[in-house]
């Protein structure tokens, strides 16, 4: 892995945010029935994967991908609750908390700081 590890985490953070925006656009595309959210979804996912790819120059692939997907899952759940008025029950919240614990554990135990 390269020096300048901080860049890896910055790239990963932006990759997560772009993935979140891409998934939100996917929902807004209504099954590809709305043109602009559909196009935006592909652009945002492409940008997200590009930044994730660059982050892998600094962060182990298993750690980066687990954090990218885990944080994305949790954030899109909040988008679903607050933007799309979706409901979440206590059991789902429990399982989400385990994802958060896992992401924190991966970050803390990663040899790449």
N, C-alpha and C. Protein backbone atom coordinates (compact mmCIF):
# COMPACT_ATOMS: atom_id res chain seq x y z
N UNK A 1 0.84 -1.18 0.00
CA UNK A 1 0.00 0.00 0.00
C UNK A 1 0.89 1.25 0.00
N UNK A 2 0.37 2.31 -0.51
CA UNK A 2 1.12 3.56 -0.63
C UNK A 2 1.08 4.36 0.66
N UNK A 3 2.01 5.30 0.73
CA UNK A 3 1.97 6.27 1.83
C UNK A 3 0.82 7.25 1.59
N UNK A 4 0.55 8.08 2.56
CA UNK A 4 -0.53 9.04 2.39
C UNK A 4 -1.88 8.38 2.60
N UNK A 5 -1.97 7.56 3.61
CA UNK A 5 -3.16 6.76 3.85
C UNK A 5 -4.41 7.62 4.02
N UNK A 6 -4.26 8.83 4.52
CA UNK A 6 -5.41 9.70 4.69
C UNK A 6 -6.20 9.90 3.41
N UNK A 7 -5.48 9.91 2.27
CA UNK A 7 -6.16 10.06 0.97
C UNK A 7 -7.11 8.91 0.71
N UNK A 8 -6.72 7.72 1.12
CA UNK A 8 -7.58 6.56 0.92
C UNK A 8 -8.92 6.72 1.62
N UNK A 9 -8.87 7.21 2.84
CA UNK A 9 -10.11 7.39 3.61
C UNK A 9 -10.95 8.53 3.06
N UNK A 10 -10.29 9.57 2.55
CA UNK A 10 -11.02 10.67 1.93
C UNK A 10 -11.71 10.18 0.66
N UNK A 11 -10.98 9.44 -0.16
CA UNK A 11 -11.57 8.89 -1.39
C UNK A 11 -12.72 7.95 -1.06
N UNK A 12 -12.53 7.11 -0.05
CA UNK A 12 -13.58 6.18 0.36
C UNK A 12 -14.82 6.93 0.85
N UNK A 13 -14.62 7.99 1.59
CA UNK A 13 -15.75 8.79 2.08
C UNK A 13 -16.56 9.36 0.92
N UNK A 14 -15.88 9.92 -0.07
CA UNK A 14 -16.60 10.46 -1.22
C UNK A 14 -17.24 9.36 -2.06
N UNK A 15 -16.59 8.20 -2.12
CA UNK A 15 -17.19 7.06 -2.83
C UNK A 15 -18.50 6.64 -2.16
N UNK A 16 -18.51 6.65 -0.84
CA UNK A 16 -19.72 6.30 -0.08
C UNK A 16 -20.82 7.32 -0.34
N UNK A 17 -20.48 8.60 -0.31
CA UNK A 17 -21.49 9.64 -0.54
C UNK A 17 -22.06 9.57 -1.95
N UNK A 18 -21.21 9.28 -2.93
CA UNK A 18 -21.69 9.13 -4.30
C UNK A 18 -22.57 7.89 -4.45
N UNK A 19 -22.22 6.82 -3.75
CA UNK A 19 -23.05 5.61 -3.77
C UNK A 19 -24.41 5.90 -3.16
N UNK A 20 -24.42 6.65 -2.08
CA UNK A 20 -25.67 7.05 -1.43
C UNK A 20 -26.54 7.85 -2.39
N UNK A 21 -25.94 8.81 -3.09
CA UNK A 21 -26.68 9.61 -4.06
C UNK A 21 -27.15 8.75 -5.22
N UNK A 22 -26.33 7.79 -5.64
CA UNK A 22 -26.73 6.89 -6.72
C UNK A 22 -27.91 6.01 -6.34
N UNK A 23 -27.90 5.51 -5.13
CA UNK A 23 -29.01 4.67 -4.67
C UNK A 23 -30.28 5.50 -4.50
N UNK A 24 -30.14 6.72 -4.02
CA UNK A 24 -31.29 7.62 -3.92
C UNK A 24 -31.86 7.89 -5.31
N UNK A 25 -30.97 8.11 -6.29
CA UNK A 25 -31.42 8.32 -7.67
C UNK A 25 -32.12 7.08 -8.22
N UNK A 26 -31.63 5.91 -7.81
CA UNK A 26 -32.27 4.67 -8.25
C UNK A 26 -33.72 4.62 -7.78
N UNK A 27 -33.94 4.97 -6.53
CA UNK A 27 -35.30 5.01 -5.99
C UNK A 27 -36.14 6.03 -6.75
N UNK A 28 -35.56 7.20 -6.99
CA UNK A 28 -36.28 8.27 -7.69
C UNK A 28 -36.55 7.94 -9.16
N UNK A 29 -35.78 7.01 -9.73
CA UNK A 29 -35.98 6.63 -11.14
C UNK A 29 -37.24 5.82 -11.34
N UNK A 30 -37.82 5.30 -10.26
CA UNK A 30 -39.06 4.53 -10.31
C UNK A 30 -38.97 3.40 -11.34
N UNK A 31 -37.94 2.57 -11.18
CA UNK A 31 -37.78 1.44 -12.08
C UNK A 31 -37.43 1.85 -13.50
N UNK A 32 -36.59 2.85 -13.63
CA UNK A 32 -36.14 3.39 -14.91
C UNK A 32 -37.26 4.03 -15.72
N UNK A 33 -38.32 4.45 -15.05
CA UNK A 33 -39.41 5.13 -15.77
C UNK A 33 -39.20 6.64 -15.82
N UNK A 34 -38.27 7.16 -15.04
CA UNK A 34 -37.95 8.60 -15.06
C UNK A 34 -36.53 8.76 -15.58
N UNK A 35 -36.39 9.49 -16.67
CA UNK A 35 -35.13 9.56 -17.40
C UNK A 35 -33.98 10.13 -16.58
N UNK A 36 -34.14 11.34 -16.04
CA UNK A 36 -33.00 12.01 -15.41
C UNK A 36 -32.51 11.33 -14.15
N UNK A 37 -33.39 10.86 -13.26
CA UNK A 37 -32.85 10.10 -12.13
C UNK A 37 -32.15 8.81 -12.57
N UNK A 38 -32.62 8.21 -13.67
CA UNK A 38 -31.98 6.99 -14.18
C UNK A 38 -30.58 7.29 -14.69
N UNK A 39 -30.45 8.35 -15.48
CA UNK A 39 -29.13 8.75 -15.99
C UNK A 39 -28.20 9.12 -14.84
N UNK A 40 -28.73 9.90 -13.90
CA UNK A 40 -27.95 10.32 -12.74
C UNK A 40 -27.46 9.13 -11.93
N UNK A 41 -28.30 8.12 -11.79
CA UNK A 41 -27.92 6.92 -11.06
C UNK A 41 -26.66 6.30 -11.66
N UNK A 42 -26.64 6.13 -12.98
CA UNK A 42 -25.47 5.53 -13.62
C UNK A 42 -24.22 6.39 -13.46
N UNK A 43 -24.38 7.69 -13.59
CA UNK A 43 -23.23 8.59 -13.44
C UNK A 43 -22.68 8.56 -12.01
N UNK A 44 -23.58 8.59 -11.03
CA UNK A 44 -23.15 8.59 -9.63
C UNK A 44 -22.51 7.27 -9.23
N UNK A 45 -23.08 6.16 -9.69
CA UNK A 45 -22.47 4.86 -9.40
C UNK A 45 -21.10 4.75 -10.07
N UNK A 46 -21.00 5.23 -11.31
CA UNK A 46 -19.70 5.21 -11.99
C UNK A 46 -18.65 6.00 -11.24
N UNK A 47 -19.03 7.17 -10.78
CA UNK A 47 -18.10 8.01 -10.01
C UNK A 47 -17.76 7.34 -8.68
N UNK A 48 -18.74 6.73 -8.05
CA UNK A 48 -18.51 6.05 -6.77
C UNK A 48 -17.51 4.91 -6.94
N UNK A 49 -17.73 4.06 -7.95
CA UNK A 49 -16.81 2.94 -8.18
C UNK A 49 -15.42 3.44 -8.56
N UNK A 50 -15.35 4.54 -9.28
CA UNK A 50 -14.05 5.10 -9.65
C UNK A 50 -13.28 5.53 -8.40
N UNK A 51 -13.95 6.25 -7.50
CA UNK A 51 -13.28 6.67 -6.27
C UNK A 51 -12.95 5.48 -5.38
N UNK A 52 -13.84 4.49 -5.33
CA UNK A 52 -13.55 3.28 -4.56
C UNK A 52 -12.31 2.60 -5.13
N UNK A 53 -12.21 2.54 -6.43
CA UNK A 53 -11.04 1.95 -7.09
C UNK A 53 -9.76 2.68 -6.66
N UNK A 54 -9.79 4.00 -6.66
CA UNK A 54 -8.61 4.76 -6.24
C UNK A 54 -8.32 4.56 -4.75
N UNK A 55 -9.35 4.45 -3.94
CA UNK A 55 -9.15 4.22 -2.51
C UNK A 55 -8.44 2.90 -2.25
N UNK A 56 -8.64 1.93 -3.14
CA UNK A 56 -8.01 0.62 -2.96
C UNK A 56 -6.50 0.67 -3.13
N UNK A 57 -5.98 1.78 -3.61
CA UNK A 57 -4.53 1.96 -3.66
C UNK A 57 -3.97 2.20 -2.27
N UNK A 58 -4.83 2.56 -1.34
CA UNK A 58 -4.41 2.92 0.01
C UNK A 58 -4.96 2.00 1.10
N UNK A 59 -6.09 1.38 0.84
CA UNK A 59 -6.81 0.61 1.85
C UNK A 59 -7.01 -0.81 1.33
N UNK A 60 -6.89 -1.80 2.20
CA UNK A 60 -7.13 -3.19 1.82
C UNK A 60 -8.53 -3.33 1.23
N UNK A 61 -8.65 -4.17 0.19
CA UNK A 61 -9.91 -4.30 -0.53
C UNK A 61 -11.04 -4.78 0.38
N UNK A 62 -10.79 -5.74 1.24
CA UNK A 62 -11.84 -6.25 2.12
C UNK A 62 -12.34 -5.20 3.09
N UNK A 63 -11.42 -4.44 3.63
CA UNK A 63 -11.78 -3.38 4.58
C UNK A 63 -12.53 -2.27 3.85
N UNK A 64 -12.00 -1.82 2.73
CA UNK A 64 -12.63 -0.71 1.99
C UNK A 64 -14.03 -1.09 1.52
N UNK A 65 -14.18 -2.28 0.95
CA UNK A 65 -15.48 -2.67 0.41
C UNK A 65 -16.49 -2.88 1.53
N UNK A 66 -16.06 -3.47 2.62
CA UNK A 66 -16.98 -3.68 3.75
C UNK A 66 -17.45 -2.35 4.32
N UNK A 67 -16.55 -1.39 4.44
CA UNK A 67 -16.93 -0.08 4.95
C UNK A 67 -17.82 0.64 3.93
N UNK A 68 -17.45 0.59 2.65
CA UNK A 68 -18.24 1.23 1.59
C UNK A 68 -19.67 0.70 1.60
N UNK A 69 -19.81 -0.60 1.63
CA UNK A 69 -21.16 -1.17 1.59
C UNK A 69 -21.89 -1.01 2.92
N UNK A 70 -21.21 -1.21 4.04
CA UNK A 70 -21.86 -1.11 5.35
C UNK A 70 -22.34 0.29 5.66
N UNK A 71 -21.49 1.26 5.44
CA UNK A 71 -21.89 2.65 5.69
C UNK A 71 -23.00 3.05 4.71
N UNK A 72 -22.87 2.60 3.47
CA UNK A 72 -23.90 2.88 2.48
C UNK A 72 -25.26 2.33 2.89
N UNK A 73 -25.28 1.11 3.41
CA UNK A 73 -26.52 0.49 3.87
C UNK A 73 -27.17 1.33 4.97
N UNK A 74 -26.36 1.71 5.93
CA UNK A 74 -26.90 2.48 7.06
C UNK A 74 -27.39 3.86 6.59
N UNK A 75 -26.60 4.55 5.78
CA UNK A 75 -27.00 5.88 5.32
C UNK A 75 -28.26 5.84 4.45
N UNK A 76 -28.35 4.83 3.55
CA UNK A 76 -29.54 4.77 2.70
C UNK A 76 -30.77 4.42 3.51
N UNK A 77 -30.59 3.72 4.62
CA UNK A 77 -31.72 3.47 5.51
C UNK A 77 -32.26 4.77 6.07
N UNK A 78 -31.36 5.66 6.47
CA UNK A 78 -31.80 6.97 6.98
C UNK A 78 -32.46 7.80 5.87
N UNK A 79 -31.92 7.73 4.66
CA UNK A 79 -32.56 8.42 3.53
C UNK A 79 -33.97 7.86 3.32
N UNK A 80 -34.09 6.55 3.38
CA UNK A 80 -35.41 5.93 3.23
C UNK A 80 -36.39 6.40 4.29
N UNK A 81 -35.92 6.51 5.52
CA UNK A 81 -36.78 6.94 6.63
C UNK A 81 -37.18 8.41 6.46
N UNK A 82 -36.20 9.27 6.24
CA UNK A 82 -36.47 10.71 6.26
C UNK A 82 -36.96 11.28 4.93
N UNK A 83 -36.47 10.75 3.81
CA UNK A 83 -36.86 11.30 2.52
C UNK A 83 -38.07 10.56 1.92
N UNK A 84 -38.07 9.24 2.06
CA UNK A 84 -39.13 8.45 1.43
C UNK A 84 -40.18 7.95 2.42
N UNK A 85 -40.07 8.37 3.68
CA UNK A 85 -41.05 8.03 4.73
C UNK A 85 -41.22 6.53 4.92
N UNK A 86 -40.13 5.77 4.76
CA UNK A 86 -40.17 4.34 4.99
C UNK A 86 -40.05 4.07 6.48
N UNK A 87 -40.60 2.97 6.91
CA UNK A 87 -40.59 2.62 8.32
C UNK A 87 -39.48 1.60 8.60
N UNK A 88 -38.95 1.64 9.81
CA UNK A 88 -37.97 0.67 10.26
C UNK A 88 -38.40 0.21 11.64
N UNK A 89 -38.33 -1.10 11.88
CA UNK A 89 -38.75 -1.61 13.18
C UNK A 89 -37.54 -1.83 14.10
N UNK A 90 -37.82 -2.21 15.32
CA UNK A 90 -36.77 -2.38 16.33
C UNK A 90 -35.76 -3.45 15.94
N UNK A 91 -36.23 -4.56 15.38
CA UNK A 91 -35.31 -5.61 14.95
C UNK A 91 -34.37 -5.11 13.85
N UNK A 92 -34.91 -4.37 12.90
CA UNK A 92 -34.08 -3.83 11.84
C UNK A 92 -33.04 -2.87 12.39
N UNK A 93 -33.43 -2.07 13.37
CA UNK A 93 -32.49 -1.15 14.00
C UNK A 93 -31.37 -1.92 14.70
N UNK A 94 -31.72 -3.05 15.33
CA UNK A 94 -30.71 -3.88 15.99
C UNK A 94 -29.70 -4.40 14.98
N UNK A 95 -30.17 -4.93 13.88
CA UNK A 95 -29.26 -5.46 12.87
C UNK A 95 -28.42 -4.35 12.24
N UNK A 96 -29.00 -3.18 12.06
CA UNK A 96 -28.23 -2.03 11.56
C UNK A 96 -27.11 -1.67 12.53
N UNK A 97 -27.40 -1.73 13.81
CA UNK A 97 -26.37 -1.40 14.80
C UNK A 97 -25.21 -2.38 14.71
N UNK A 98 -25.49 -3.63 14.37
CA UNK A 98 -24.40 -4.59 14.20
C UNK A 98 -23.54 -4.25 12.99
N UNK A 99 -24.16 -3.72 11.95
CA UNK A 99 -23.38 -3.27 10.78
C UNK A 99 -22.47 -2.13 11.20
N UNK A 100 -23.01 -1.17 11.95
CA UNK A 100 -22.20 -0.03 12.42
C UNK A 100 -21.04 -0.52 13.28
N UNK A 101 -21.32 -1.44 14.20
CA UNK A 101 -20.26 -2.00 15.06
C UNK A 101 -19.20 -2.68 14.20
N UNK A 102 -19.63 -3.41 13.19
CA UNK A 102 -18.69 -4.08 12.30
C UNK A 102 -17.81 -3.10 11.54
N UNK A 103 -18.41 -2.04 11.05
CA UNK A 103 -17.65 -1.02 10.30
C UNK A 103 -16.62 -0.36 11.22
N UNK A 104 -17.04 -0.02 12.43
CA UNK A 104 -16.12 0.60 13.39
C UNK A 104 -15.00 -0.38 13.72
N UNK A 105 -15.36 -1.64 13.92
CA UNK A 105 -14.35 -2.65 14.22
C UNK A 105 -13.34 -2.80 13.10
N UNK A 106 -13.81 -2.79 11.86
CA UNK A 106 -12.90 -2.89 10.73
C UNK A 106 -11.94 -1.70 10.67
N UNK A 107 -12.47 -0.53 10.88
CA UNK A 107 -11.63 0.68 10.84
C UNK A 107 -10.60 0.65 11.96
N UNK A 108 -11.03 0.32 13.16
CA UNK A 108 -10.12 0.32 14.32
C UNK A 108 -9.05 -0.77 14.19
N UNK A 109 -9.43 -1.93 13.67
CA UNK A 109 -8.49 -3.03 13.61
C UNK A 109 -7.66 -3.06 12.33
N UNK A 110 -7.95 -2.14 11.41
CA UNK A 110 -7.21 -2.10 10.15
C UNK A 110 -5.78 -1.68 10.40
N UNK A 111 -4.84 -2.38 9.77
CA UNK A 111 -3.42 -2.02 9.89
C UNK A 111 -3.14 -0.70 9.19
N UNK A 112 -4.01 -0.34 8.25
CA UNK A 112 -3.87 0.91 7.52
C UNK A 112 -4.64 1.97 8.28
N UNK A 113 -3.94 2.93 8.83
CA UNK A 113 -4.58 3.93 9.68
C UNK A 113 -4.98 5.13 8.87
